[in-house]
Amino acid sequence: MQNLIKRTVYLGVMLLAILSLTACDEKKQRVAPSGDHAVLEELAAAYRKVSEKYPVQPQAMPPKGRKEFLNKVFTQAGYSYSATLIAMGQAATDRSNKEQRDLVELLLLPVKGLSSEVRAGLYTDDELVAMQRLQINFR
């Protein structure tokens, strides 16, 4: 009987560990909805909070630092930078929509002024394709 209780407790602990890892993965992959003003406010608040931890503005950071900064901003707001970038690149967008333009501007912040070679060293193929589409759609 005591062995059964130990096994049950062990299985319960293992199940909780697996569920918590799954929940973390789901949170990391959450896409910020485009065209939503409240989401932009969340991201702006996260931007301010994260920037307090850095001595310089993101535009003055090296390319890798800019990407790291944006990852932290999106994570702070409960979203995934990469998943949002890819989703926006695949979505039907409207360049006249101010909220979408603002989100795209934030997503593309790390790559402003970077050569395609530098970008290729920092981003996945899917992210690069998404950036290219967004830059074309939001010129």
Protein backbone atom coordinates (compact mmCIF):
# COMPACT_ATOMS: atom_id res chain seq x y z
CA MET A 1 0.00 0.00 0.00
CA GLN A 2 2.79 2.41 0.93
CA ASN A 3 4.51 1.61 -2.37
CA LEU A 4 1.34 2.50 -4.24
CA ILE A 5 1.14 5.88 -2.47
CA LYS A 6 4.79 6.63 -3.30
CA ARG A 7 4.22 5.76 -6.95
CA THR A 8 1.07 7.88 -7.09
CA VAL A 9 2.87 10.87 -5.55
CA TYR A 10 5.82 10.38 -7.91
CA LEU A 11 3.52 10.26 -10.95
CA GLY A 12 1.68 13.35 -9.72
CA VAL A 13 4.93 15.30 -9.37
CA MET A 14 6.09 14.19 -12.81
CA LEU A 15 2.75 15.18 -14.34
CA LEU A 16 2.94 18.63 -12.74
CA ALA A 17 6.47 19.10 -14.06
CA ILE A 18 5.41 18.16 -17.58
CA LEU A 19 2.38 20.43 -17.46
CA SER A 20 4.45 23.38 -16.24
CA LEU A 21 6.94 22.89 -19.06
CA THR A 22 4.11 22.73 -21.57
CA ALA A 23 2.59 25.91 -20.17
CA CYS A 24 5.94 27.69 -20.48
CA ASP A 25 6.28 26.60 -24.11
CA GLU A 26 2.75 27.79 -24.91
CA LYS A 27 3.42 31.18 -23.33
CA LYS A 28 6.65 31.58 -25.30
CA GLN A 29 4.83 30.92 -28.55
CA ARG A 30 1.92 33.30 -27.98
CA VAL A 31 1.44 35.65 -30.93
CA ALA A 32 0.67 39.30 -30.29
CA PRO A 33 -2.58 40.06 -32.16
CA SER A 34 -2.18 42.68 -34.86
CA GLY A 35 -4.42 45.69 -35.08
CA ASP A 36 -5.18 45.67 -31.34
CA HIS A 37 -4.49 48.95 -29.55
CA ALA A 38 -4.52 47.30 -26.10
CA VAL A 39 -1.75 44.92 -27.21
CA LEU A 40 0.33 47.88 -28.37
CA GLU A 41 -0.16 49.48 -24.96
CA GLU A 42 1.03 46.26 -23.28
CA LEU A 43 4.08 46.18 -25.52
CA ALA A 44 4.80 49.86 -24.89
CA ALA A 45 4.67 49.30 -21.12
CA ALA A 46 6.96 46.27 -21.48
CA TYR A 47 9.31 48.32 -23.69
CA ARG A 48 9.61 50.98 -21.01
CA LYS A 49 10.13 48.42 -18.24
CA VAL A 50 12.76 46.44 -20.14
CA SER A 51 14.58 49.58 -21.30
CA GLU A 52 15.11 50.57 -17.65
CA LYS A 53 17.54 47.65 -17.40
CA TYR A 54 19.70 48.84 -20.32
CA PRO A 55 22.12 51.78 -20.27
CA VAL A 56 21.43 52.73 -23.92
CA GLN A 57 18.45 52.95 -26.25
CA PRO A 58 17.84 49.87 -28.45
CA GLN A 59 18.77 51.78 -31.60
CA ALA A 60 22.30 52.26 -30.18
CA MET A 61 22.72 48.55 -29.36
CA PRO A 62 24.56 46.10 -31.58
CA PRO A 63 22.24 44.00 -33.80
CA LYS A 64 22.27 40.96 -31.50
CA GLY A 65 21.47 43.22 -28.52
CA ARG A 66 18.51 44.77 -30.34
CA LYS A 67 17.03 41.36 -31.05
CA GLU A 68 17.61 40.28 -27.44
CA PHE A 69 15.94 43.48 -26.24
CA LEU A 70 12.84 42.90 -28.39
CA ASN A 71 12.64 39.27 -27.28
CA LYS A 72 12.58 40.49 -23.66
CA VAL A 73 9.95 43.15 -24.44
CA PHE A 74 7.62 40.63 -26.06
CA THR A 75 8.22 38.08 -23.29
CA GLN A 76 7.52 40.74 -20.64
CA ALA A 77 4.17 41.43 -22.35
CA GLY A 78 3.38 37.70 -22.56
CA TYR A 79 4.09 37.20 -26.27
CA SER A 80 6.75 35.70 -28.49
CA TYR A 81 8.74 38.05 -30.71
CA SER A 82 9.62 35.34 -33.21
CA ALA A 83 6.12 33.85 -33.39
CA THR A 84 4.60 37.33 -33.80
CA LEU A 85 7.10 38.26 -36.52
CA ILE A 86 6.39 35.09 -38.48
CA ALA A 87 2.61 35.38 -38.01
CA MET A 88 2.61 39.01 -39.19
CA GLY A 89 4.67 38.05 -42.22
CA GLN A 90 2.09 35.43 -43.15
CA ALA A 91 -1.01 37.47 -42.34
CA ALA A 92 -3.00 39.71 -44.63
CA THR A 93 -1.98 43.17 -43.52
CA ASP A 94 -3.30 46.64 -44.15
CA ARG A 95 -0.68 49.39 -44.28
CA SER A 96 -3.37 51.99 -43.61
CA ASN A 97 -4.07 50.36 -40.21
CA LYS A 98 -2.10 52.41 -37.67
CA GLU A 99 -1.95 49.62 -35.08
CA GLN A 100 -0.55 47.17 -37.64
CA ARG A 101 2.00 49.76 -38.83
CA ASP A 102 3.10 50.39 -35.24
CA LEU A 103 3.48 46.68 -34.53
CA VAL A 104 5.46 46.15 -37.72
CA GLU A 105 7.71 49.09 -36.87
CA LEU A 106 8.42 47.49 -33.50
CA LEU A 107 9.02 44.07 -35.05
CA LEU A 108 11.48 45.51 -37.57
CA LEU A 109 13.35 47.69 -35.05
CA PRO A 110 16.28 45.26 -34.71
CA VAL A 111 17.00 45.16 -38.44
CA LYS A 112 16.95 48.84 -39.33
CA GLY A 113 20.10 49.62 -41.28
CA LEU A 114 21.43 46.07 -41.26
CA SER A 115 22.78 44.27 -44.29
CA SER A 116 21.17 41.03 -45.40
CA GLU A 117 24.34 39.16 -44.34
CA VAL A 118 24.08 40.40 -40.76
CA ARG A 119 20.37 39.59 -40.67
CA ALA A 120 21.03 36.07 -41.92
CA GLY A 121 23.35 35.50 -38.98
CA LEU A 122 20.74 36.54 -36.42
CA TYR A 123 17.41 35.25 -37.72
CA THR A 124 15.89 31.98 -38.89
CA ASP A 125 14.84 31.53 -42.50
CA ASP A 126 11.16 31.89 -41.54
CA GLU A 127 11.90 35.14 -39.70
CA LEU A 128 13.87 36.51 -42.65
CA VAL A 129 11.02 35.75 -45.05
CA ALA A 130 8.55 37.43 -42.70
CA MET A 131 10.76 40.54 -42.44
CA GLN A 132 11.07 40.78 -46.18
CA ARG A 133 7.30 40.57 -46.65
CA LEU A 134 6.65 43.15 -43.96
CA GLN A 135 9.21 45.55 -45.39
CA ILE A 136 7.61 45.26 -48.82
CA ASN A 137 4.06 45.68 -47.47
CA PHE A 138 4.88 48.57 -45.13
CA ARG A 139 7.26 50.73 -47.16
